[in-house]
Amino acid sequence: MNETTDPDPDPAAAARRITERREQLGLTEEFLAHRAAMAPRYLRHLLEAGPAFDPGGFVRIAAALGTSPDELLEGRADAPPGRGGPGLRPRLLHLAEAECWEAVGTQGVGRIGLPVRPGPVVHPVNYVVDLDSFAYRTGERAATAPEEGAEVSFQVDHIDECLGRGWSVLALGEAHYVDDPEELRRLDGLPGAAPWAGGYRPKWVRIRPAEISGRRLVTG
């Protein structure tokens, strides 16, 4: 992503990240404006109007803060979630089943919870959504390989660090290995089917939820 790929970035979110980064570095607003080769008044106007108002100026601000435009628009991709604190007047809303499926989309990264000893374990896996179920690839003796028919959980979430908003979807059901050759070929051809962890992962696991629920965190 770059400054031209998001035609309508959230001005308030970008301004908040800029302010947080500036304060983290111990810079005044005037000094940041000087570093970015603009007047302090223009800097304040750009923060109010948003990055789309002056993409070049936004790139200079990012450089002056020692970061990238992407990080100011979307937050750090490598930071653990939850460091930004709660948003203004947070509320939890329950998602209907259709809203849960809409949130998780057709592919992404989720967490498979397996019932093993001495206690349950959770592993991240990239998944595809197929026929009202989650499916992911695993190896013969991989840590993500469940027992056939095991009762498992599958969780997917997203959080906006800047705004303190997000959602979480939890699915409960049995894990079954896919054996039908035609079904395996179809799964292999879906976008997102390639295992992110690499290695030889010839098996597909399908989880058709007996129960799926979700919550959305909103603010304001």
N, C-alpha and C. Protein backbone atom coordinates (compact mmCIF):
# COMPACT_ATOMS: atom_id res chain seq x y z
N MET A 1 0.84 -1.19 0.00
CA MET A 1 0.00 0.00 0.00
C MET A 1 0.87 1.23 0.00
N ASN A 2 0.47 2.29 -0.66
CA ASN A 2 1.15 3.57 -0.59
C ASN A 2 0.11 4.66 -0.54
N GLU A 3 0.55 5.92 -0.61
CA GLU A 3 -0.38 6.99 -0.43
C GLU A 3 -1.40 7.09 -1.54
N THR A 4 -1.23 6.36 -2.63
CA THR A 4 -2.18 6.44 -3.73
C THR A 4 -3.17 5.29 -3.74
N THR A 5 -2.96 4.28 -2.88
CA THR A 5 -3.82 3.10 -2.94
C THR A 5 -5.07 3.24 -2.08
N ASP A 6 -5.07 4.14 -1.11
CA ASP A 6 -6.22 4.35 -0.26
C ASP A 6 -6.78 5.72 -0.58
N PRO A 7 -7.85 5.82 -1.38
CA PRO A 7 -8.34 7.10 -1.82
C PRO A 7 -8.97 7.92 -0.70
N ASP A 8 -9.34 7.31 0.40
CA ASP A 8 -10.05 8.04 1.43
C ASP A 8 -9.60 7.60 2.81
N PRO A 9 -8.31 7.81 3.18
CA PRO A 9 -7.85 7.41 4.51
C PRO A 9 -8.53 8.26 5.57
N ASP A 10 -8.66 7.70 6.76
CA ASP A 10 -9.32 8.38 7.87
C ASP A 10 -8.41 9.49 8.40
N PRO A 11 -8.79 10.77 8.25
CA PRO A 11 -7.93 11.86 8.73
C PRO A 11 -7.67 11.79 10.23
N ALA A 12 -8.72 11.48 11.02
CA ALA A 12 -8.56 11.44 12.47
C ALA A 12 -7.59 10.35 12.89
N ALA A 13 -7.65 9.18 12.24
CA ALA A 13 -6.76 8.08 12.59
C ALA A 13 -5.31 8.44 12.25
N ALA A 14 -5.09 9.00 11.07
CA ALA A 14 -3.74 9.39 10.67
C ALA A 14 -3.20 10.47 11.59
N ALA A 15 -4.03 11.45 11.94
CA ALA A 15 -3.59 12.54 12.81
C ALA A 15 -3.21 12.00 14.19
N ARG A 16 -3.98 11.04 14.68
CA ARG A 16 -3.68 10.47 16.00
C ARG A 16 -2.36 9.73 15.98
N ARG A 17 -2.11 8.96 14.93
CA ARG A 17 -0.84 8.23 14.86
C ARG A 17 0.34 9.19 14.73
N ILE A 18 0.16 10.26 13.97
CA ILE A 18 1.23 11.26 13.83
C ILE A 18 1.53 11.89 15.18
N THR A 19 0.47 12.28 15.92
CA THR A 19 0.67 12.90 17.23
C THR A 19 1.34 11.93 18.20
N GLU A 20 0.89 10.66 18.20
CA GLU A 20 1.50 9.68 19.10
C GLU A 20 2.97 9.46 18.78
N ARG A 21 3.29 9.38 17.50
CA ARG A 21 4.69 9.18 17.10
C ARG A 21 5.52 10.41 17.45
N ARG A 22 4.98 11.60 17.23
CA ARG A 22 5.71 12.83 17.54
C ARG A 22 6.00 12.91 19.04
N GLU A 23 5.00 12.60 19.86
CA GLU A 23 5.21 12.65 21.31
C GLU A 23 6.17 11.56 21.77
N GLN A 24 6.13 10.41 21.11
CA GLN A 24 7.05 9.34 21.45
C GLN A 24 8.49 9.77 21.21
N LEU A 25 8.71 10.56 20.16
CA LEU A 25 10.05 11.04 19.85
C LEU A 25 10.42 12.30 20.62
N GLY A 26 9.46 12.86 21.36
CA GLY A 26 9.74 14.07 22.13
C GLY A 26 9.85 15.32 21.28
N LEU A 27 9.13 15.36 20.15
CA LEU A 27 9.20 16.50 19.25
C LEU A 27 8.02 17.44 19.46
N THR A 28 8.26 18.72 19.34
CA THR A 28 7.17 19.67 19.35
C THR A 28 6.53 19.70 17.97
N GLU A 29 5.32 20.24 17.90
CA GLU A 29 4.65 20.37 16.62
C GLU A 29 5.42 21.28 15.68
N GLU A 30 6.00 22.35 16.26
CA GLU A 30 6.78 23.29 15.44
C GLU A 30 8.03 22.61 14.87
N PHE A 31 8.70 21.78 15.69
CA PHE A 31 9.91 21.14 15.19
C PHE A 31 9.59 20.10 14.13
N LEU A 32 8.47 19.39 14.30
CA LEU A 32 8.06 18.45 13.27
C LEU A 32 7.78 19.17 11.96
N ALA A 33 7.08 20.30 12.03
CA ALA A 33 6.80 21.07 10.83
C ALA A 33 8.09 21.50 10.15
N HIS A 34 9.08 21.93 10.95
CA HIS A 34 10.38 22.33 10.39
C HIS A 34 11.05 21.16 9.69
N ARG A 35 11.02 19.99 10.32
CA ARG A 35 11.62 18.80 9.72
C ARG A 35 10.93 18.42 8.41
N ALA A 36 9.62 18.62 8.36
CA ALA A 36 8.85 18.25 7.18
C ALA A 36 8.79 19.37 6.14
N ALA A 37 9.54 20.44 6.37
CA ALA A 37 9.64 21.56 5.43
C ALA A 37 8.27 22.20 5.15
N MET A 38 7.55 22.49 6.23
CA MET A 38 6.27 23.19 6.08
C MET A 38 6.02 24.06 7.31
N ALA A 39 5.15 25.01 7.17
CA ALA A 39 4.81 25.88 8.28
C ALA A 39 3.96 25.13 9.29
N PRO A 40 4.10 25.46 10.59
CA PRO A 40 3.28 24.79 11.60
C PRO A 40 1.78 24.90 11.32
N ARG A 41 1.35 26.06 10.82
CA ARG A 41 -0.06 26.24 10.51
C ARG A 41 -0.51 25.28 9.41
N TYR A 42 0.37 25.08 8.42
CA TYR A 42 0.04 24.17 7.32
C TYR A 42 0.01 22.73 7.83
N LEU A 43 0.92 22.39 8.74
CA LEU A 43 0.92 21.05 9.32
C LEU A 43 -0.40 20.77 10.02
N ARG A 44 -0.87 21.71 10.81
CA ARG A 44 -2.15 21.52 11.51
C ARG A 44 -3.29 21.36 10.52
N HIS A 45 -3.25 22.13 9.43
CA HIS A 45 -4.30 22.03 8.42
C HIS A 45 -4.26 20.66 7.74
N LEU A 46 -3.07 20.17 7.46
CA LEU A 46 -2.95 18.86 6.81
C LEU A 46 -3.47 17.75 7.73
N LEU A 47 -3.20 17.88 9.04
CA LEU A 47 -3.69 16.87 9.98
C LEU A 47 -5.21 16.86 10.03
N GLU A 48 -5.82 18.02 9.90
CA GLU A 48 -7.28 18.09 9.91
C GLU A 48 -7.88 17.59 8.60
N ALA A 49 -7.23 17.93 7.48
CA ALA A 49 -7.77 17.58 6.16
C ALA A 49 -7.50 16.13 5.79
N GLY A 50 -6.41 15.56 6.30
CA GLY A 50 -6.08 14.18 5.99
C GLY A 50 -5.00 14.04 4.94
N PRO A 51 -4.38 12.85 4.85
CA PRO A 51 -3.27 12.61 3.92
C PRO A 51 -3.62 12.86 2.46
N ALA A 52 -4.89 12.62 2.08
CA ALA A 52 -5.27 12.80 0.67
C ALA A 52 -5.19 14.26 0.24
N PHE A 53 -5.22 15.19 1.19
CA PHE A 53 -5.15 16.61 0.86
C PHE A 53 -3.80 16.97 0.24
N ASP A 54 -2.73 16.38 0.77
CA ASP A 54 -1.38 16.64 0.27
C ASP A 54 -0.53 15.39 0.47
N PRO A 55 -0.63 14.41 -0.46
CA PRO A 55 0.13 13.16 -0.29
C PRO A 55 1.62 13.38 -0.14
N GLY A 56 2.18 14.34 -0.90
CA GLY A 56 3.61 14.60 -0.79
C GLY A 56 3.99 15.13 0.57
N GLY A 57 3.17 16.02 1.11
CA GLY A 57 3.43 16.54 2.45
C GLY A 57 3.32 15.45 3.50
N PHE A 58 2.36 14.53 3.31
CA PHE A 58 2.20 13.42 4.24
C PHE A 58 3.44 12.52 4.23
N VAL A 59 4.01 12.30 3.05
CA VAL A 59 5.23 11.49 2.94
C VAL A 59 6.38 12.17 3.68
N ARG A 60 6.46 13.50 3.58
CA ARG A 60 7.52 14.24 4.29
C ARG A 60 7.34 14.14 5.80
N ILE A 61 6.10 14.18 6.25
CA ILE A 61 5.84 14.03 7.69
C ILE A 61 6.31 12.65 8.16
N ALA A 62 5.97 11.61 7.40
CA ALA A 62 6.39 10.26 7.77
C ALA A 62 7.91 10.17 7.84
N ALA A 63 8.59 10.75 6.85
CA ALA A 63 10.06 10.72 6.85
C ALA A 63 10.62 11.48 8.06
N ALA A 64 10.00 12.60 8.40
CA ALA A 64 10.46 13.40 9.54
C ALA A 64 10.27 12.65 10.86
N LEU A 65 9.30 11.74 10.89
CA LEU A 65 9.05 10.95 12.09
C LEU A 65 9.80 9.62 12.09
N GLY A 66 10.56 9.38 11.03
CA GLY A 66 11.34 8.16 10.95
C GLY A 66 10.49 6.92 10.77
N THR A 67 9.38 7.05 10.06
CA THR A 67 8.49 5.92 9.84
C THR A 67 8.02 5.94 8.39
N SER A 68 7.03 5.14 8.06
CA SER A 68 6.53 5.06 6.70
C SER A 68 5.10 5.58 6.62
N PRO A 69 4.66 6.03 5.45
CA PRO A 69 3.26 6.42 5.29
C PRO A 69 2.30 5.29 5.65
N ASP A 70 2.65 4.04 5.28
CA ASP A 70 1.79 2.90 5.59
C ASP A 70 1.56 2.77 7.09
N GLU A 71 2.63 2.94 7.87
CA GLU A 71 2.50 2.77 9.32
C GLU A 71 1.62 3.86 9.91
N LEU A 72 1.71 5.08 9.37
CA LEU A 72 0.86 6.15 9.88
C LEU A 72 -0.59 5.96 9.47
N LEU A 73 -0.81 5.31 8.34
CA LEU A 73 -2.18 5.07 7.88
C LEU A 73 -2.82 3.88 8.57
N GLU A 74 -2.03 2.82 8.82
CA GLU A 74 -2.60 1.56 9.28
C GLU A 74 -2.08 1.09 10.62
N GLY A 75 -1.05 1.74 11.15
CA GLY A 75 -0.45 1.28 12.38
C GLY A 75 0.62 0.24 12.12
N ARG A 76 1.43 -0.06 13.12
CA ARG A 76 2.49 -1.04 12.98
C ARG A 76 1.92 -2.42 12.79
N ALA A 77 2.34 -3.09 11.72
CA ALA A 77 1.86 -4.44 11.46
C ALA A 77 2.50 -5.47 12.37
N ASP A 78 3.67 -5.13 12.96
CA ASP A 78 4.38 -6.12 13.76
C ASP A 78 4.21 -5.92 15.25
N ALA A 79 3.40 -4.95 15.65
CA ALA A 79 3.23 -4.69 17.07
C ALA A 79 2.11 -5.54 17.64
N PRO A 80 2.27 -6.04 18.87
CA PRO A 80 1.16 -6.77 19.50
C PRO A 80 -0.04 -5.85 19.65
N PRO A 81 -1.26 -6.37 19.44
CA PRO A 81 -2.44 -5.51 19.55
C PRO A 81 -2.72 -5.12 20.98
N GLY A 82 -3.43 -4.01 21.15
CA GLY A 82 -3.87 -3.60 22.46
C GLY A 82 -3.03 -2.57 23.15
N ARG A 83 -1.97 -2.06 22.49
CA ARG A 83 -1.12 -1.07 23.14
C ARG A 83 -1.72 0.33 23.12
N GLY A 84 -2.66 0.55 22.21
CA GLY A 84 -3.20 1.88 22.07
C GLY A 84 -4.22 2.25 23.12
N GLY A 85 -4.73 1.27 23.88
CA GLY A 85 -5.72 1.55 24.89
C GLY A 85 -7.11 1.64 24.29
N PRO A 86 -8.12 1.70 25.16
CA PRO A 86 -9.50 1.73 24.67
C PRO A 86 -9.84 3.05 24.00
N GLY A 87 -10.83 3.00 23.11
CA GLY A 87 -11.31 4.21 22.46
C GLY A 87 -12.31 4.94 23.34
N LEU A 88 -12.90 5.97 22.80
CA LEU A 88 -13.85 6.79 23.53
C LEU A 88 -15.20 6.07 23.65
N ARG A 89 -15.67 5.89 24.88
CA ARG A 89 -16.96 5.25 25.17
C ARG A 89 -17.12 3.93 24.41
N PRO A 90 -16.28 2.93 24.71
CA PRO A 90 -16.35 1.64 23.98
C PRO A 90 -17.62 0.87 24.32
N ARG A 91 -18.15 0.16 23.31
CA ARG A 91 -19.33 -0.68 23.47
C ARG A 91 -19.14 -1.96 22.66
N LEU A 92 -19.66 -3.07 23.18
CA LEU A 92 -19.60 -4.35 22.47
C LEU A 92 -20.96 -4.66 21.87
N LEU A 93 -20.99 -4.97 20.59
CA LEU A 93 -22.21 -5.35 19.89
C LEU A 93 -22.09 -6.79 19.43
N HIS A 94 -23.15 -7.56 19.57
CA HIS A 94 -23.15 -8.95 19.11
C HIS A 94 -23.42 -9.00 17.60
N LEU A 95 -22.71 -9.87 16.92
CA LEU A 95 -22.87 -10.04 15.48
C LEU A 95 -23.79 -11.20 15.18
N ALA A 96 -24.68 -11.01 14.22
CA ALA A 96 -25.50 -12.11 13.73
C ALA A 96 -24.62 -13.07 12.92
N GLU A 97 -25.12 -14.27 12.67
CA GLU A 97 -24.32 -15.27 11.96
C GLU A 97 -23.86 -14.76 10.59
N ALA A 98 -24.76 -14.11 9.85
CA ALA A 98 -24.38 -13.59 8.53
C ALA A 98 -23.29 -12.53 8.65
N GLU A 99 -23.35 -11.72 9.71
CA GLU A 99 -22.33 -10.69 9.93
C GLU A 99 -20.99 -11.32 10.28
N CYS A 100 -21.01 -12.45 10.97
CA CYS A 100 -19.76 -13.15 11.29
C CYS A 100 -19.06 -13.61 10.01
N TRP A 101 -19.83 -14.24 9.12
CA TRP A 101 -19.24 -14.73 7.87
C TRP A 101 -18.76 -13.57 7.01
N GLU A 102 -19.50 -12.47 7.04
CA GLU A 102 -19.06 -11.31 6.26
C GLU A 102 -17.76 -10.75 6.80
N ALA A 103 -17.61 -10.75 8.13
CA ALA A 103 -16.40 -10.21 8.74
C ALA A 103 -15.17 -11.04 8.38
N VAL A 104 -15.28 -12.37 8.44
CA VAL A 104 -14.09 -13.21 8.20
C VAL A 104 -13.72 -13.26 6.72
N GLY A 105 -14.65 -12.91 5.83
CA GLY A 105 -14.33 -12.87 4.41
C GLY A 105 -14.13 -14.25 3.81
N THR A 106 -13.36 -14.31 2.74
CA THR A 106 -13.14 -15.57 2.04
C THR A 106 -11.79 -16.20 2.37
N GLN A 107 -10.91 -15.44 3.01
CA GLN A 107 -9.59 -15.97 3.36
C GLN A 107 -8.96 -15.04 4.38
N GLY A 108 -7.92 -15.52 5.04
CA GLY A 108 -7.23 -14.69 6.02
C GLY A 108 -6.39 -15.55 6.94
N VAL A 109 -6.09 -15.00 8.12
CA VAL A 109 -5.33 -15.72 9.14
C VAL A 109 -6.18 -15.81 10.39
N GLY A 110 -6.34 -17.01 10.90
CA GLY A 110 -7.10 -17.22 12.12
C GLY A 110 -6.30 -18.06 13.10
N ARG A 111 -6.98 -18.53 14.15
CA ARG A 111 -6.32 -19.32 15.19
C ARG A 111 -7.13 -20.59 15.44
N ILE A 112 -6.46 -21.70 15.33
CA ILE A 112 -7.10 -22.99 15.57
C ILE A 112 -6.79 -23.42 17.01
N GLY A 113 -7.82 -23.73 17.78
CA GLY A 113 -7.64 -24.19 19.14
C GLY A 113 -7.86 -25.70 19.20
N LEU A 114 -6.84 -26.44 19.63
CA LEU A 114 -6.88 -27.90 19.62
C LEU A 114 -6.89 -28.45 21.04
N PRO A 115 -7.70 -29.51 21.29
CA PRO A 115 -7.79 -30.11 22.63
C PRO A 115 -6.71 -31.16 22.85
N VAL A 116 -5.52 -30.72 23.23
CA VAL A 116 -4.43 -31.67 23.46
C VAL A 116 -3.98 -31.60 24.92
N ARG A 117 -3.13 -32.53 25.30
CA ARG A 117 -2.60 -32.56 26.65
C ARG A 117 -1.20 -31.97 26.68
N PRO A 118 -0.84 -31.30 27.80
CA PRO A 118 -1.56 -31.21 29.08
C PRO A 118 -2.67 -30.15 29.10
N GLY A 119 -2.82 -29.38 28.03
CA GLY A 119 -3.88 -28.39 27.97
C GLY A 119 -4.10 -27.95 26.54
N PRO A 120 -5.20 -27.25 26.26
CA PRO A 120 -5.48 -26.80 24.89
C PRO A 120 -4.35 -25.91 24.36
N VAL A 121 -4.13 -25.99 23.05
CA VAL A 121 -3.13 -25.14 22.41
C VAL A 121 -3.80 -24.39 21.26
N VAL A 122 -3.24 -23.24 20.94
CA VAL A 122 -3.78 -22.39 19.87
C VAL A 122 -2.65 -22.07 18.91
N HIS A 123 -2.90 -22.25 17.61
CA HIS A 123 -1.90 -21.96 16.59
C HIS A 123 -2.49 -21.06 15.51
N PRO A 124 -1.71 -20.11 15.00
CA PRO A 124 -2.19 -19.32 13.86
C PRO A 124 -2.08 -20.12 12.57
N VAL A 125 -3.10 -20.02 11.74
CA VAL A 125 -3.10 -20.69 10.43
C VAL A 125 -3.78 -19.77 9.42
N ASN A 126 -3.34 -19.81 8.18
CA ASN A 126 -4.10 -19.11 7.15
C ASN A 126 -5.20 -20.03 6.65
N TYR A 127 -6.37 -19.45 6.41
CA TYR A 127 -7.56 -20.25 6.13
C TYR A 127 -8.25 -19.76 4.86
N VAL A 128 -9.15 -20.59 4.38
CA VAL A 128 -10.10 -20.19 3.34
C VAL A 128 -11.49 -20.51 3.87
N VAL A 129 -12.47 -19.74 3.42
CA VAL A 129 -13.87 -20.02 3.74
C VAL A 129 -14.48 -20.72 2.54
N ASP A 130 -15.08 -21.89 2.77
CA ASP A 130 -15.61 -22.70 1.68
C ASP A 130 -16.84 -23.45 2.16
N LEU A 131 -17.97 -23.26 1.49
CA LEU A 131 -19.20 -24.00 1.81
C LEU A 131 -19.57 -23.85 3.29
N ASP A 132 -19.60 -22.61 3.76
CA ASP A 132 -19.98 -22.31 5.15
C ASP A 132 -19.09 -23.04 6.15
N SER A 133 -17.82 -23.12 5.83
CA SER A 133 -16.88 -23.76 6.75
C SER A 133 -15.52 -23.10 6.59
N PHE A 134 -14.65 -23.33 7.58
CA PHE A 134 -13.26 -22.90 7.51
C PHE A 134 -12.42 -24.11 7.10
N ALA A 135 -11.41 -23.88 6.27
CA ALA A 135 -10.51 -24.95 5.87
C ALA A 135 -9.08 -24.43 5.87
N TYR A 136 -8.15 -25.28 6.30
CA TYR A 136 -6.74 -24.89 6.30
C TYR A 136 -5.88 -26.13 6.02
N ARG A 137 -4.65 -25.87 5.60
CA ARG A 137 -3.73 -26.96 5.26
C ARG A 137 -2.83 -27.28 6.44
N THR A 138 -2.45 -28.54 6.53
CA THR A 138 -1.55 -28.97 7.59
C THR A 138 -0.76 -30.17 7.11
N GLY A 139 0.26 -30.54 7.89
CA GLY A 139 1.07 -31.70 7.57
C GLY A 139 0.68 -32.91 8.39
N GLU A 140 1.29 -34.03 8.07
CA GLU A 140 0.95 -35.31 8.71
C GLU A 140 1.13 -35.25 10.22
N ARG A 141 2.24 -34.70 10.68
CA ARG A 141 2.52 -34.64 12.11
C ARG A 141 2.73 -33.21 12.58
N ALA A 142 2.14 -32.29 11.89
CA ALA A 142 2.29 -30.88 12.25
C ALA A 142 1.54 -30.57 13.54
N ALA A 143 1.96 -29.50 14.22
CA ALA A 143 1.29 -29.10 15.46
C ALA A 143 -0.15 -28.69 15.22
N THR A 144 -0.46 -28.30 13.99
CA THR A 144 -1.82 -27.85 13.67
C THR A 144 -2.71 -29.00 13.19
N ALA A 145 -2.21 -30.23 13.22
CA ALA A 145 -2.99 -31.39 12.76
C ALA A 145 -3.82 -31.95 13.90
N PRO A 146 -5.15 -31.85 13.83
CA PRO A 146 -6.00 -32.37 14.90
C PRO A 146 -6.27 -33.86 14.72
N GLU A 147 -6.81 -34.45 15.75
CA GLU A 147 -7.36 -35.80 15.62
C GLU A 147 -8.63 -35.72 14.76
N GLU A 148 -8.87 -36.72 13.95
CA GLU A 148 -10.09 -36.75 13.14
C GLU A 148 -11.32 -36.67 14.05
N GLY A 149 -12.20 -35.72 13.73
CA GLY A 149 -13.42 -35.56 14.51
C GLY A 149 -13.26 -34.81 15.81
N ALA A 150 -12.06 -34.23 16.06
CA ALA A 150 -11.84 -33.53 17.33
C ALA A 150 -12.72 -32.28 17.43
N GLU A 151 -13.16 -31.98 18.64
CA GLU A 151 -13.90 -30.75 18.90
C GLU A 151 -12.90 -29.60 19.02
N VAL A 152 -12.99 -28.65 18.13
CA VAL A 152 -12.00 -27.57 18.09
C VAL A 152 -12.71 -26.22 18.08
N SER A 153 -11.92 -25.18 18.26
CA SER A 153 -12.41 -23.81 18.08
C SER A 153 -11.59 -23.14 17.00
N PHE A 154 -12.21 -22.18 16.33
CA PHE A 154 -11.51 -21.42 15.30
C PHE A 154 -11.89 -19.96 15.50
N GLN A 155 -10.88 -19.10 15.62
CA GLN A 155 -11.14 -17.71 15.95
C GLN A 155 -10.42 -16.79 14.97
N VAL A 156 -11.12 -15.74 14.55
CA VAL A 156 -10.57 -14.72 13.65
C VAL A 156 -10.93 -13.37 14.23
N ASP A 157 -9.99 -12.43 14.19
CA ASP A 157 -10.31 -11.10 14.71
C ASP A 157 -9.56 -10.01 13.95
N HIS A 158 -9.93 -8.80 14.23
CA HIS A 158 -9.27 -7.63 13.66
C HIS A 158 -9.43 -6.48 14.64
N ILE A 159 -8.35 -5.69 14.81
CA ILE A 159 -8.41 -4.55 15.71
C ILE A 159 -7.77 -3.34 15.05
N ASP A 160 -8.38 -2.19 15.21
CA ASP A 160 -7.82 -0.92 14.77
C ASP A 160 -7.20 -0.26 15.99
N GLU A 161 -5.88 -0.32 16.07
CA GLU A 161 -5.17 0.21 17.23
C GLU A 161 -5.46 1.68 17.48
N CYS A 162 -5.58 2.44 16.39
CA CYS A 162 -5.72 3.88 16.53
C CYS A 162 -7.09 4.25 17.08
N LEU A 163 -8.14 3.68 16.54
CA LEU A 163 -9.49 4.06 16.92
C LEU A 163 -10.05 3.23 18.07
N GLY A 164 -9.34 2.16 18.46
CA GLY A 164 -9.84 1.33 19.53
C GLY A 164 -11.08 0.55 19.14
N ARG A 165 -11.18 0.19 17.87
CA ARG A 165 -12.32 -0.56 17.38
C ARG A 165 -11.86 -1.92 16.85
N GLY A 166 -12.80 -2.83 16.69
CA GLY A 166 -12.42 -4.12 16.14
C GLY A 166 -13.56 -5.11 16.22
N TRP A 167 -13.28 -6.35 15.84
CA TRP A 167 -14.28 -7.41 15.90
C TRP A 167 -13.59 -8.74 16.14
N SER A 168 -14.38 -9.70 16.61
CA SER A 168 -13.86 -11.04 16.86
C SER A 168 -14.96 -12.05 16.55
N VAL A 169 -14.59 -13.11 15.86
CA VAL A 169 -15.53 -14.17 15.51
C VAL A 169 -14.97 -15.50 16.04
N LEU A 170 -15.82 -16.27 16.70
CA LEU A 170 -15.43 -17.56 17.26
C LEU A 170 -16.35 -18.65 16.72
N ALA A 171 -15.76 -19.70 16.17
CA ALA A 171 -16.51 -20.83 15.64
C ALA A 171 -16.14 -22.08 16.43
N LEU A 172 -17.14 -22.91 16.75
CA LEU A 172 -16.94 -24.17 17.45
C LEU A 172 -17.50 -25.30 16.61
N GLY A 173 -16.75 -26.38 16.49
CA GLY A 173 -17.22 -27.49 15.68
C GLY A 173 -16.20 -28.61 15.63
N GLU A 174 -16.50 -29.62 14.84
CA GLU A 174 -15.60 -30.75 14.68
C GLU A 174 -14.65 -30.53 13.50
N ALA A 175 -13.43 -31.03 13.65
CA ALA A 175 -12.42 -30.96 12.58
C ALA A 175 -12.41 -32.28 11.83
N HIS A 176 -12.54 -32.21 10.51
CA HIS A 176 -12.52 -33.41 9.68
C HIS A 176 -11.55 -33.21 8.52
N TYR A 177 -10.81 -34.28 8.20
CA TYR A 177 -9.90 -34.22 7.07
C TYR A 177 -10.67 -34.41 5.77
N VAL A 178 -10.26 -33.65 4.75
CA VAL A 178 -10.90 -33.75 3.43
C VAL A 178 -10.21 -34.86 2.65
N ASP A 179 -11.00 -35.84 2.17
CA ASP A 179 -10.44 -36.98 1.45
C ASP A 179 -10.85 -37.03 -0.02
N ASP A 180 -11.95 -36.41 -0.37
CA ASP A 180 -12.45 -36.48 -1.74
C ASP A 180 -11.49 -35.77 -2.70
N PRO A 181 -10.96 -36.47 -3.73
CA PRO A 181 -9.98 -35.87 -4.64
C PRO A 181 -10.49 -34.61 -5.34
N GLU A 182 -11.73 -34.63 -5.77
CA GLU A 182 -12.28 -33.46 -6.45
C GLU A 182 -12.37 -32.26 -5.51
N GLU A 183 -12.76 -32.52 -4.29
CA GLU A 183 -12.86 -31.45 -3.30
C GLU A 183 -11.47 -30.91 -2.96
N LEU A 184 -10.49 -31.79 -2.89
CA LEU A 184 -9.12 -31.36 -2.62
C LEU A 184 -8.59 -30.48 -3.74
N ARG A 185 -8.86 -30.84 -4.98
CA ARG A 185 -8.41 -30.02 -6.11
C ARG A 185 -9.06 -28.64 -6.07
N ARG A 186 -10.33 -28.60 -5.72
CA ARG A 186 -11.03 -27.32 -5.66
C ARG A 186 -10.45 -26.43 -4.55
N LEU A 187 -10.19 -27.02 -3.40
CA LEU A 187 -9.60 -26.26 -2.30
C LEU A 187 -8.22 -25.74 -2.67
N ASP A 188 -7.42 -26.58 -3.33
CA ASP A 188 -6.07 -26.16 -3.73
C ASP A 188 -6.10 -24.95 -4.66
N GLY A 189 -7.20 -24.80 -5.41
CA GLY A 189 -7.28 -23.70 -6.37
C GLY A 189 -7.86 -22.42 -5.82
N LEU A 190 -8.28 -22.41 -4.56
CA LEU A 190 -8.89 -21.21 -3.98
C LEU A 190 -7.82 -20.17 -3.62
N PRO A 191 -8.14 -18.88 -3.77
CA PRO A 191 -7.21 -17.84 -3.30
C PRO A 191 -6.95 -18.00 -1.81
N GLY A 192 -5.70 -17.88 -1.41
CA GLY A 192 -5.34 -18.03 -0.01
C GLY A 192 -5.05 -19.45 0.41
N ALA A 193 -5.06 -20.39 -0.55
CA ALA A 193 -4.88 -21.81 -0.20
C ALA A 193 -3.43 -22.16 0.14
N ALA A 194 -2.47 -21.41 -0.40
CA ALA A 194 -1.06 -21.75 -0.16
C ALA A 194 -0.72 -21.54 1.31
N PRO A 195 -0.06 -22.51 1.95
CA PRO A 195 0.27 -22.38 3.38
C PRO A 195 1.34 -21.32 3.61
N TRP A 196 1.06 -20.36 4.45
CA TRP A 196 2.02 -19.29 4.74
C TRP A 196 3.26 -19.84 5.43
N ALA A 197 3.10 -20.89 6.22
CA ALA A 197 4.24 -21.43 6.97
C ALA A 197 5.17 -22.24 6.08
N GLY A 198 4.77 -22.47 4.83
CA GLY A 198 5.63 -23.22 3.93
C GLY A 198 5.68 -24.70 4.29
N GLY A 199 6.62 -25.39 3.70
CA GLY A 199 6.77 -26.81 3.98
C GLY A 199 5.74 -27.65 3.24
N TYR A 200 5.84 -28.94 3.45
CA TYR A 200 4.95 -29.89 2.78
C TYR A 200 3.71 -30.08 3.64
N ARG A 201 2.58 -29.55 3.22
CA ARG A 201 1.34 -29.61 3.99
C ARG A 201 0.22 -30.11 3.07
N PRO A 202 0.19 -31.39 2.81
CA PRO A 202 -0.73 -31.93 1.81
C PRO A 202 -2.16 -32.11 2.29
N LYS A 203 -2.38 -32.06 3.60
CA LYS A 203 -3.71 -32.36 4.13
C LYS A 203 -4.54 -31.09 4.31
N TRP A 204 -5.83 -31.23 4.04
CA TRP A 204 -6.78 -30.15 4.30
C TRP A 204 -7.67 -30.55 5.48
N VAL A 205 -7.86 -29.61 6.41
CA VAL A 205 -8.77 -29.79 7.54
C VAL A 205 -9.95 -28.85 7.35
N ARG A 206 -11.14 -29.40 7.51
CA ARG A 206 -12.36 -28.58 7.39
C ARG A 206 -13.07 -28.51 8.73
N ILE A 207 -13.50 -27.31 9.11
CA ILE A 207 -14.26 -27.11 10.33
C ILE A 207 -15.60 -26.47 9.94
N ARG A 208 -16.64 -27.25 10.05
CA ARG A 208 -17.98 -26.73 9.77
C ARG A 208 -18.62 -26.38 11.11
N PRO A 209 -18.77 -25.10 11.40
CA PRO A 209 -19.18 -24.70 12.75
C PRO A 209 -20.56 -25.23 13.14
N ALA A 210 -20.63 -25.82 14.34
CA ALA A 210 -21.92 -26.11 14.95
C ALA A 210 -22.46 -24.85 15.60
N GLU A 211 -21.52 -23.93 15.91
CA GLU A 211 -21.90 -22.66 16.53
C GLU A 211 -20.90 -21.60 16.09
N ILE A 212 -21.38 -20.45 15.69
CA ILE A 212 -20.51 -19.34 15.33
C ILE A 212 -21.08 -18.07 15.95
N SER A 213 -20.23 -17.30 16.59
CA SER A 213 -20.67 -16.08 17.25
C SER A 213 -19.60 -15.01 17.07
N GLY A 214 -20.00 -13.78 17.23
CA GLY A 214 -19.04 -12.70 17.07
C GLY A 214 -19.45 -11.46 17.83
N ARG A 215 -18.48 -10.62 18.07
CA ARG A 215 -18.71 -9.34 18.73
C ARG A 215 -17.94 -8.26 18.00
N ARG A 216 -18.52 -7.08 17.98
CA ARG A 216 -17.85 -5.93 17.38
C ARG A 216 -17.68 -4.85 18.45
N LEU A 217 -16.47 -4.33 18.57
CA LEU A 217 -16.18 -3.24 19.50
C LEU A 217 -16.30 -1.92 18.75
N VAL A 218 -17.20 -1.06 19.20
CA VAL A 218 -17.39 0.25 18.59
C VAL A 218 -17.12 1.32 19.65
N THR A 219 -16.88 2.53 19.22
CA THR A 219 -16.61 3.64 20.13
C THR A 219 -17.47 4.83 19.77
N GLY A 220 -17.55 5.75 20.70
CA GLY A 220 -18.26 7.00 20.45
C GLY A 220 -19.72 6.92 20.84
